[in-house]
Every structure is written in structure tokens, then in C-alpha cells.
């Protein structure tokens, strides 16, 4: 009987590994939506303090795969992601609270989106097409509402 239970448990674990591998392969595909990729990050790393760096790395990877290729100024996303990683290290070390992190990310994101808007004004209108959904989602994320408690919602990351 014990042998049967052990075999069943190993089978279940192998199945979980297969699902995890499929999710990883899926997140490497640029067609995965930003919303889905961020949900995967929130689910994989639910503890925003002890898993802050791993969660930030996951978010950075998600935005690099789904948003960066479509941005007219990808270096702005790079700047935001560098800040996200730096703050995550401070959160894990206990030097920055989640509220402070949320506030810093929200302020930086709003400044970056405003800078992008200013740069886009200088680009001829015919050079600007409709933005992909992931870019629209990124631009709308991390608003002032994210600066307080509740920075774990789909639009706050």
C-alpha cells in the first residue's frame, strides 16, 4: 500500500513539474499577454517581502517579453525595471516597506509614461500606429492608486 501511495505522489509531482515547465515555456513566448504573465508572477511569488527579488525578476521578464519589443522608447522600460529590481533588494532587506515600494514605483512609472508622451509628441503622427494591448496595459498600470495598500492587483505590480 505504501508503495502505491509513493508512486501516486511521484506521479503528481511529475505532473506539477510538467505544468510548471509549460508555464515557463509559455512565458517565454512573446504572444503571452502582459496580464497573464503578471498573474503568473503574483501566483508564483505571493510573498511580496521575502520573495521580492524573485517576483521583481519575474515581472521584469514579463515586461521585457511582452511590452519592450513594442515600445517606441524601450530604454524607458529598462529604467523602470532597474528601479524595480533595486527596490526589491531593499524590500527583502527590510530597508523599504511595501508602501514605500508601491509609492516609488507608482511615481517613477507615471514620470516615465509622461516622458514617453512628451517624446511621442516630437515623432511625426504617421510614425505612430495603434499601440499593442500589452503597451496600453503597461502605460495604464501603476497609477497613483497603486501607491497605497493593495499594490498586488492586476494593474499594480
N, C-alpha and C. Protein backbone atom coordinates (compact mmCIF):
# COMPACT_ATOMS: atom_id res chain seq x y z
N UNK A 1 0.82 -1.19 0.00
CA UNK A 1 0.00 0.00 0.00
C UNK A 1 0.86 1.26 0.00
N UNK A 2 1.91 1.26 0.83
CA UNK A 2 2.80 2.43 0.87
C UNK A 2 3.44 2.67 -0.49
N UNK A 3 3.83 1.61 -1.14
CA UNK A 3 4.46 1.74 -2.45
C UNK A 3 3.50 2.41 -3.43
N UNK A 4 2.25 2.02 -3.39
CA UNK A 4 1.25 2.61 -4.29
C UNK A 4 1.08 4.10 -4.01
N UNK A 5 1.07 4.47 -2.73
CA UNK A 5 0.92 5.88 -2.36
C UNK A 5 2.14 6.67 -2.84
N UNK A 6 3.33 6.11 -2.67
CA UNK A 6 4.55 6.79 -3.10
C UNK A 6 4.55 6.97 -4.61
N UNK A 7 4.13 5.94 -5.34
CA UNK A 7 4.07 6.03 -6.80
C UNK A 7 3.08 7.11 -7.23
N UNK A 8 1.93 7.18 -6.59
CA UNK A 8 0.93 8.19 -6.92
C UNK A 8 1.47 9.59 -6.63
N UNK A 9 2.14 9.76 -5.48
CA UNK A 9 2.70 11.07 -5.13
C UNK A 9 3.77 11.50 -6.13
N UNK A 10 4.64 10.58 -6.52
CA UNK A 10 5.65 10.92 -7.52
C UNK A 10 5.00 11.28 -8.85
N UNK A 11 3.94 10.58 -9.19
CA UNK A 11 3.23 10.90 -10.43
C UNK A 11 2.64 12.29 -10.39
N UNK A 12 2.06 12.66 -9.25
CA UNK A 12 1.50 14.01 -9.10
C UNK A 12 2.60 15.07 -9.18
N UNK A 13 3.72 14.80 -8.52
CA UNK A 13 4.83 15.75 -8.58
C UNK A 13 5.37 15.91 -9.99
N UNK A 14 5.46 14.83 -10.71
CA UNK A 14 5.93 14.90 -12.10
C UNK A 14 4.96 15.72 -12.94
N UNK A 15 3.68 15.55 -12.68
CA UNK A 15 2.69 16.34 -13.41
C UNK A 15 2.81 17.82 -13.12
N UNK A 16 3.07 18.16 -11.86
CA UNK A 16 3.26 19.57 -11.49
C UNK A 16 4.48 20.15 -12.19
N UNK A 17 5.53 19.37 -12.27
CA UNK A 17 6.74 19.82 -12.96
C UNK A 17 6.47 20.07 -14.43
N UNK A 18 5.65 19.24 -15.02
CA UNK A 18 5.29 19.43 -16.43
C UNK A 18 4.48 20.70 -16.64
N UNK A 19 3.56 20.95 -15.72
CA UNK A 19 2.76 22.18 -15.81
C UNK A 19 3.66 23.39 -15.63
N UNK A 20 4.57 23.33 -14.66
CA UNK A 20 5.49 24.45 -14.43
C UNK A 20 6.35 24.70 -15.66
N UNK A 21 6.84 23.63 -16.28
CA UNK A 21 7.67 23.76 -17.49
C UNK A 21 6.84 24.38 -18.62
N UNK A 22 5.59 23.98 -18.73
CA UNK A 22 4.73 24.55 -19.78
C UNK A 22 4.51 26.04 -19.53
N UNK A 23 4.30 26.41 -18.26
CA UNK A 23 4.13 27.83 -17.95
C UNK A 23 5.39 28.62 -18.26
N UNK A 24 6.56 28.05 -17.95
CA UNK A 24 7.81 28.73 -18.25
C UNK A 24 7.99 28.90 -19.75
N UNK A 25 7.71 27.85 -20.51
CA UNK A 25 7.84 27.94 -21.96
C UNK A 25 6.84 28.95 -22.52
N UNK A 26 5.64 28.96 -21.94
CA UNK A 26 4.62 29.89 -22.38
C UNK A 26 5.04 31.32 -22.10
N UNK A 27 5.67 31.57 -20.92
CA UNK A 27 6.07 32.94 -20.58
C UNK A 27 7.23 33.41 -21.44
N UNK A 28 7.93 32.50 -22.08
CA UNK A 28 9.00 32.89 -22.98
C UNK A 28 8.47 33.23 -24.37
N UNK A 29 7.19 32.93 -24.60
CA UNK A 29 6.55 33.24 -25.88
C UNK A 29 6.02 34.66 -25.81
N UNK A 30 6.40 35.50 -26.76
CA UNK A 30 6.02 36.90 -26.70
C UNK A 30 4.53 37.12 -26.92
N UNK A 31 3.79 36.09 -27.32
CA UNK A 31 2.36 36.25 -27.53
C UNK A 31 1.57 36.17 -26.22
N UNK A 32 2.21 35.80 -25.13
CA UNK A 32 1.55 35.73 -23.85
C UNK A 32 1.20 37.15 -23.41
N UNK A 33 -0.02 37.36 -22.95
CA UNK A 33 -0.44 38.70 -22.58
C UNK A 33 0.28 39.15 -21.30
N UNK A 34 0.44 40.44 -21.19
CA UNK A 34 1.06 41.01 -20.00
C UNK A 34 0.25 40.68 -18.77
N UNK A 35 -1.06 40.77 -18.86
CA UNK A 35 -1.92 40.47 -17.72
C UNK A 35 -1.71 39.05 -17.23
N UNK A 36 -1.67 38.09 -18.15
CA UNK A 36 -1.47 36.69 -17.77
C UNK A 36 -0.09 36.47 -17.18
N UNK A 37 0.93 37.08 -17.78
CA UNK A 37 2.29 36.90 -17.29
C UNK A 37 2.45 37.48 -15.89
N UNK A 38 1.84 38.64 -15.64
CA UNK A 38 1.92 39.24 -14.31
C UNK A 38 1.14 38.43 -13.28
N UNK A 39 0.02 37.87 -13.69
CA UNK A 39 -0.74 36.99 -12.79
C UNK A 39 0.09 35.78 -12.42
N UNK A 40 0.82 35.24 -13.38
CA UNK A 40 1.71 34.11 -13.10
C UNK A 40 2.77 34.51 -12.08
N UNK A 41 3.31 35.72 -12.19
CA UNK A 41 4.31 36.21 -11.24
C UNK A 41 3.71 36.35 -9.85
N UNK A 42 2.52 36.93 -9.76
CA UNK A 42 1.87 37.09 -8.45
C UNK A 42 1.60 35.74 -7.82
N UNK A 43 1.18 34.77 -8.63
CA UNK A 43 0.87 33.43 -8.11
C UNK A 43 2.13 32.66 -7.74
N UNK A 44 3.18 32.80 -8.53
CA UNK A 44 4.42 32.07 -8.26
C UNK A 44 5.17 32.63 -7.05
N UNK A 45 5.04 33.94 -6.82
CA UNK A 45 5.77 34.60 -5.73
C UNK A 45 4.80 35.46 -4.93
N UNK A 46 3.92 34.84 -4.15
CA UNK A 46 2.88 35.59 -3.44
C UNK A 46 3.39 36.45 -2.28
N UNK A 47 4.51 36.08 -1.69
CA UNK A 47 5.04 36.84 -0.55
C UNK A 47 5.84 38.02 -1.08
N UNK A 48 5.26 39.21 -0.99
CA UNK A 48 5.87 40.39 -1.57
C UNK A 48 7.11 40.88 -0.83
N UNK A 49 7.38 40.32 0.33
CA UNK A 49 8.56 40.74 1.09
C UNK A 49 9.69 39.74 0.93
N UNK A 50 9.46 38.50 1.34
CA UNK A 50 10.55 37.51 1.29
C UNK A 50 10.87 37.05 -0.12
N UNK A 51 9.93 37.24 -1.05
CA UNK A 51 10.16 36.85 -2.44
C UNK A 51 10.24 38.06 -3.36
N UNK A 52 10.56 39.21 -2.81
CA UNK A 52 10.53 40.47 -3.58
C UNK A 52 11.46 40.44 -4.78
N UNK A 53 12.67 39.93 -4.62
CA UNK A 53 13.63 39.94 -5.73
C UNK A 53 13.19 38.97 -6.82
N UNK A 54 12.78 37.78 -6.44
CA UNK A 54 12.34 36.81 -7.45
C UNK A 54 11.08 37.29 -8.15
N UNK A 55 10.19 37.90 -7.40
CA UNK A 55 8.98 38.44 -8.00
C UNK A 55 9.32 39.58 -8.97
N UNK A 56 10.22 40.46 -8.57
CA UNK A 56 10.64 41.56 -9.44
C UNK A 56 11.29 41.02 -10.71
N UNK A 57 12.13 40.00 -10.57
CA UNK A 57 12.76 39.39 -11.75
C UNK A 57 11.71 38.82 -12.69
N UNK A 58 10.68 38.21 -12.14
CA UNK A 58 9.60 37.65 -12.95
C UNK A 58 8.85 38.77 -13.68
N UNK A 59 8.57 39.86 -12.98
CA UNK A 59 7.86 40.99 -13.58
C UNK A 59 8.71 41.62 -14.67
N UNK A 60 10.01 41.76 -14.41
CA UNK A 60 10.91 42.32 -15.41
C UNK A 60 10.91 41.45 -16.66
N UNK A 61 11.01 40.15 -16.47
CA UNK A 61 11.00 39.24 -17.62
C UNK A 61 9.68 39.35 -18.40
N UNK A 62 8.58 39.42 -17.67
CA UNK A 62 7.26 39.53 -18.31
C UNK A 62 7.16 40.80 -19.14
N UNK A 63 7.62 41.92 -18.59
CA UNK A 63 7.52 43.17 -19.33
C UNK A 63 8.51 43.23 -20.48
N UNK A 64 9.67 42.62 -20.29
CA UNK A 64 10.65 42.60 -21.38
C UNK A 64 10.15 41.79 -22.56
N UNK A 65 9.45 40.69 -22.28
CA UNK A 65 8.96 39.83 -23.36
C UNK A 65 7.70 40.38 -24.03
N UNK A 66 6.79 40.94 -23.23
CA UNK A 66 5.51 41.31 -23.81
C UNK A 66 5.38 42.79 -24.15
N UNK A 67 6.15 43.67 -23.51
CA UNK A 67 5.99 45.10 -23.72
C UNK A 67 7.17 45.71 -24.49
N UNK A 68 8.37 45.41 -24.06
CA UNK A 68 9.57 46.08 -24.58
C UNK A 68 9.67 46.08 -26.11
N UNK A 69 9.42 44.95 -26.79
CA UNK A 69 9.57 44.95 -28.25
C UNK A 69 8.65 45.94 -28.97
N UNK A 70 7.54 46.31 -28.34
CA UNK A 70 6.57 47.19 -28.98
C UNK A 70 6.69 48.65 -28.57
N UNK A 71 7.55 48.94 -27.63
CA UNK A 71 7.69 50.32 -27.15
C UNK A 71 8.55 51.15 -28.10
N UNK A 72 8.17 52.38 -28.35
CA UNK A 72 8.99 53.24 -29.20
C UNK A 72 10.30 53.65 -28.52
N UNK A 73 10.30 53.68 -27.18
CA UNK A 73 11.49 54.05 -26.41
C UNK A 73 11.71 53.00 -25.33
N UNK A 74 12.24 51.85 -25.69
CA UNK A 74 12.37 50.75 -24.72
C UNK A 74 13.30 51.06 -23.55
N UNK A 75 14.17 52.04 -23.71
CA UNK A 75 15.08 52.37 -22.60
C UNK A 75 14.31 52.93 -21.41
N UNK A 76 13.11 53.45 -21.64
CA UNK A 76 12.29 53.92 -20.52
C UNK A 76 11.82 52.74 -19.66
N UNK A 77 11.43 51.66 -20.31
CA UNK A 77 11.06 50.45 -19.57
C UNK A 77 12.28 49.90 -18.84
N UNK A 78 13.43 49.93 -19.48
CA UNK A 78 14.67 49.46 -18.84
C UNK A 78 14.93 50.24 -17.55
N UNK A 79 14.70 51.55 -17.60
CA UNK A 79 14.91 52.39 -16.42
C UNK A 79 13.95 51.98 -15.30
N UNK A 80 12.69 51.76 -15.66
CA UNK A 80 11.69 51.34 -14.66
C UNK A 80 12.05 49.98 -14.07
N UNK A 81 12.46 49.06 -14.93
CA UNK A 81 12.80 47.72 -14.45
C UNK A 81 14.04 47.72 -13.56
N UNK A 82 15.00 48.57 -13.85
CA UNK A 82 16.19 48.68 -13.00
C UNK A 82 15.79 49.19 -11.61
N UNK A 83 14.90 50.17 -11.58
CA UNK A 83 14.41 50.68 -10.30
C UNK A 83 13.65 49.59 -9.56
N UNK A 84 12.82 48.84 -10.27
CA UNK A 84 12.04 47.76 -9.66
C UNK A 84 12.97 46.74 -8.99
N UNK A 85 14.04 46.37 -9.66
CA UNK A 85 14.99 45.41 -9.09
C UNK A 85 15.70 45.98 -7.87
N UNK A 86 16.10 47.25 -7.95
CA UNK A 86 16.81 47.88 -6.84
C UNK A 86 15.91 47.96 -5.60
N UNK A 87 14.66 48.35 -5.80
CA UNK A 87 13.74 48.46 -4.67
C UNK A 87 13.44 47.08 -4.09
N UNK A 88 13.34 46.07 -4.93
CA UNK A 88 13.06 44.71 -4.45
C UNK A 88 14.16 44.23 -3.49
N UNK A 89 15.39 44.53 -3.80
CA UNK A 89 16.51 44.17 -2.92
C UNK A 89 16.33 44.86 -1.56
N UNK A 90 15.94 46.12 -1.60
CA UNK A 90 15.74 46.87 -0.36
C UNK A 90 14.55 46.35 0.44
N UNK A 91 13.50 45.92 -0.25
CA UNK A 91 12.33 45.36 0.43
C UNK A 91 12.72 44.07 1.14
N UNK A 92 13.42 43.19 0.44
CA UNK A 92 13.83 41.93 1.07
C UNK A 92 14.75 42.16 2.25
N UNK A 93 15.56 43.19 2.19
CA UNK A 93 16.49 43.50 3.28
C UNK A 93 15.80 44.23 4.43
N UNK A 94 14.54 44.59 4.26
CA UNK A 94 13.81 45.28 5.31
C UNK A 94 14.09 46.77 5.38
N UNK A 95 14.73 47.33 4.36
CA UNK A 95 15.08 48.75 4.36
C UNK A 95 13.96 49.62 3.78
N UNK A 96 13.07 49.00 3.01
CA UNK A 96 11.96 49.72 2.38
C UNK A 96 10.69 48.91 2.62
N UNK A 97 9.62 49.58 3.00
CA UNK A 97 8.34 48.90 3.21
C UNK A 97 7.61 48.71 1.87
N UNK A 98 6.59 47.89 1.90
CA UNK A 98 5.78 47.69 0.69
C UNK A 98 5.10 48.98 0.27
N UNK A 99 4.64 49.76 1.25
CA UNK A 99 4.02 51.04 0.91
C UNK A 99 5.01 51.98 0.24
N UNK A 100 6.22 52.03 0.75
CA UNK A 100 7.25 52.87 0.13
C UNK A 100 7.57 52.37 -1.27
N UNK A 101 7.68 51.05 -1.42
CA UNK A 101 7.93 50.48 -2.74
C UNK A 101 6.82 50.87 -3.71
N UNK A 102 5.58 50.66 -3.29
CA UNK A 102 4.45 50.99 -4.15
C UNK A 102 4.48 52.45 -4.57
N UNK A 103 4.77 53.33 -3.62
CA UNK A 103 4.81 54.76 -3.90
C UNK A 103 5.93 55.09 -4.88
N UNK A 104 7.11 54.54 -4.66
CA UNK A 104 8.25 54.81 -5.56
C UNK A 104 7.99 54.30 -6.97
N UNK A 105 7.46 53.09 -7.08
CA UNK A 105 7.17 52.52 -8.40
C UNK A 105 6.09 53.34 -9.10
N UNK A 106 5.04 53.71 -8.38
CA UNK A 106 3.95 54.48 -8.99
C UNK A 106 4.47 55.83 -9.50
N UNK A 107 5.24 56.52 -8.68
CA UNK A 107 5.77 57.84 -9.09
C UNK A 107 6.71 57.70 -10.29
N UNK A 108 7.59 56.72 -10.23
CA UNK A 108 8.54 56.52 -11.34
C UNK A 108 7.80 56.15 -12.62
N UNK A 109 6.83 55.28 -12.52
CA UNK A 109 6.08 54.85 -13.70
C UNK A 109 5.34 56.03 -14.33
N UNK A 110 4.69 56.83 -13.50
CA UNK A 110 3.97 57.98 -14.03
C UNK A 110 4.92 58.96 -14.71
N UNK A 111 6.10 59.15 -14.14
CA UNK A 111 7.09 60.05 -14.75
C UNK A 111 7.58 59.48 -16.08
N UNK A 112 7.78 58.18 -16.13
CA UNK A 112 8.27 57.53 -17.36
C UNK A 112 7.21 57.61 -18.46
N UNK A 113 5.96 57.35 -18.11
CA UNK A 113 4.88 57.44 -19.10
C UNK A 113 4.72 58.88 -19.58
N UNK A 114 4.87 59.84 -18.68
CA UNK A 114 4.79 61.26 -19.09
C UNK A 114 5.95 61.61 -20.02
N UNK A 115 7.15 61.11 -19.71
CA UNK A 115 8.30 61.36 -20.59
C UNK A 115 8.07 60.73 -21.95
N UNK A 116 7.52 59.53 -21.97
CA UNK A 116 7.24 58.87 -23.24
C UNK A 116 6.23 59.70 -24.05
N UNK A 117 5.20 60.21 -23.40
CA UNK A 117 4.20 61.02 -24.09
C UNK A 117 4.83 62.27 -24.70
N UNK A 118 5.73 62.90 -23.96
CA UNK A 118 6.43 64.08 -24.48
C UNK A 118 7.28 63.72 -25.70
N UNK A 119 7.98 62.61 -25.61
CA UNK A 119 8.81 62.17 -26.75
C UNK A 119 7.95 61.84 -27.96
N UNK A 120 6.79 61.22 -27.71
CA UNK A 120 5.91 60.84 -28.82
C UNK A 120 5.36 62.06 -29.55
N UNK A 121 5.21 63.17 -28.83
CA UNK A 121 4.73 64.40 -29.47
C UNK A 121 5.70 64.88 -30.53
N UNK A 122 6.98 64.58 -30.34
CA UNK A 122 8.01 65.02 -31.29
C UNK A 122 8.11 64.11 -32.51
N UNK A 123 7.47 62.94 -32.44
CA UNK A 123 7.52 61.98 -33.55
C UNK A 123 6.37 62.31 -34.51
N UNK A 124 6.63 62.31 -35.82
CA UNK A 124 5.55 62.57 -36.77
C UNK A 124 4.39 61.61 -36.56
N UNK A 125 3.18 62.11 -36.73
CA UNK A 125 1.97 61.32 -36.48
C UNK A 125 1.90 60.06 -37.32
N UNK A 126 2.45 60.09 -38.56
CA UNK A 126 2.38 58.90 -39.40
C UNK A 126 3.30 57.79 -38.90
N UNK A 127 4.23 58.10 -38.02
CA UNK A 127 5.14 57.10 -37.45
C UNK A 127 4.53 56.40 -36.24
N UNK A 128 3.32 56.82 -35.83
CA UNK A 128 2.68 56.24 -34.67
C UNK A 128 1.44 55.47 -35.09
N UNK A 129 1.47 54.18 -34.91
CA UNK A 129 0.30 53.37 -35.18
C UNK A 129 -0.41 53.07 -33.87
N UNK A 130 -1.39 52.23 -33.94
CA UNK A 130 -2.09 51.81 -32.72
C UNK A 130 -1.14 50.98 -31.87
N UNK A 131 -1.15 51.25 -30.59
CA UNK A 131 -0.27 50.52 -29.67
C UNK A 131 -0.84 49.14 -29.37
N UNK A 132 0.03 48.14 -29.27
CA UNK A 132 -0.43 46.80 -28.89
C UNK A 132 -1.05 46.82 -27.49
N UNK A 133 -1.91 45.87 -27.21
CA UNK A 133 -2.61 45.79 -25.93
C UNK A 133 -1.65 45.79 -24.75
N UNK A 134 -0.54 45.05 -24.86
CA UNK A 134 0.40 44.98 -23.73
C UNK A 134 1.00 46.35 -23.42
N UNK A 135 1.24 47.16 -24.43
CA UNK A 135 1.78 48.50 -24.22
C UNK A 135 0.73 49.38 -23.56
N UNK A 136 -0.50 49.29 -24.01
CA UNK A 136 -1.59 50.06 -23.41
C UNK A 136 -1.75 49.67 -21.94
N UNK A 137 -1.69 48.37 -21.66
CA UNK A 137 -1.80 47.89 -20.28
C UNK A 137 -0.65 48.41 -19.43
N UNK A 138 0.55 48.39 -19.98
CA UNK A 138 1.72 48.87 -19.23
C UNK A 138 1.58 50.36 -18.93
N UNK A 139 1.18 51.14 -19.91
CA UNK A 139 1.03 52.59 -19.71
C UNK A 139 -0.01 52.90 -18.64
N UNK A 140 -1.08 52.10 -18.58
CA UNK A 140 -2.16 52.34 -17.62
C UNK A 140 -1.87 51.77 -16.24
N UNK A 141 -0.81 51.02 -16.10
CA UNK A 141 -0.52 50.37 -14.82
C UNK A 141 0.14 51.31 -13.83
N UNK A 142 0.22 50.86 -12.59
CA UNK A 142 0.95 51.53 -11.52
C UNK A 142 0.60 53.01 -11.38
N UNK A 143 -0.69 53.27 -11.34
CA UNK A 143 -1.17 54.65 -11.18
C UNK A 143 -0.99 55.10 -9.73
N UNK A 144 -1.43 56.31 -9.47
CA UNK A 144 -1.38 56.85 -8.11
C UNK A 144 -2.14 55.96 -7.14
N UNK A 145 -3.20 55.31 -7.60
CA UNK A 145 -3.98 54.43 -6.75
C UNK A 145 -3.17 53.24 -6.26
N UNK A 146 -2.09 52.92 -6.94
CA UNK A 146 -1.24 51.80 -6.56
C UNK A 146 -0.25 52.17 -5.45
N UNK A 147 -0.14 53.45 -5.14
CA UNK A 147 0.85 53.91 -4.18
C UNK A 147 0.51 53.52 -2.74
N UNK A 148 -0.70 53.12 -2.48
CA UNK A 148 -1.09 52.74 -1.13
C UNK A 148 -1.16 51.24 -0.97
N UNK A 149 -1.93 50.83 0.01
CA UNK A 149 -2.13 49.39 0.20
C UNK A 149 -2.87 48.81 -0.99
N UNK A 150 -2.65 47.54 -1.26
CA UNK A 150 -3.33 46.89 -2.37
C UNK A 150 -2.51 46.87 -3.63
N UNK A 151 -1.19 47.00 -3.51
CA UNK A 151 -0.31 47.01 -4.67
C UNK A 151 -0.13 45.65 -5.29
N UNK A 152 -1.07 44.76 -5.06
CA UNK A 152 -0.97 43.39 -5.59
C UNK A 152 -2.09 43.12 -6.59
N UNK A 153 -2.71 44.18 -7.10
CA UNK A 153 -3.82 44.00 -8.04
C UNK A 153 -3.24 43.87 -9.46
N UNK A 154 -4.07 43.47 -10.41
CA UNK A 154 -3.57 43.29 -11.79
C UNK A 154 -2.90 44.54 -12.39
N UNK A 155 -3.33 45.73 -11.98
CA UNK A 155 -2.76 46.95 -12.54
C UNK A 155 -1.63 47.53 -11.70
N UNK A 156 -1.36 46.93 -10.55
CA UNK A 156 -0.30 47.40 -9.66
C UNK A 156 0.70 46.27 -9.50
N UNK A 157 1.93 46.49 -9.95
CA UNK A 157 2.92 45.42 -9.82
C UNK A 157 4.31 45.93 -9.62
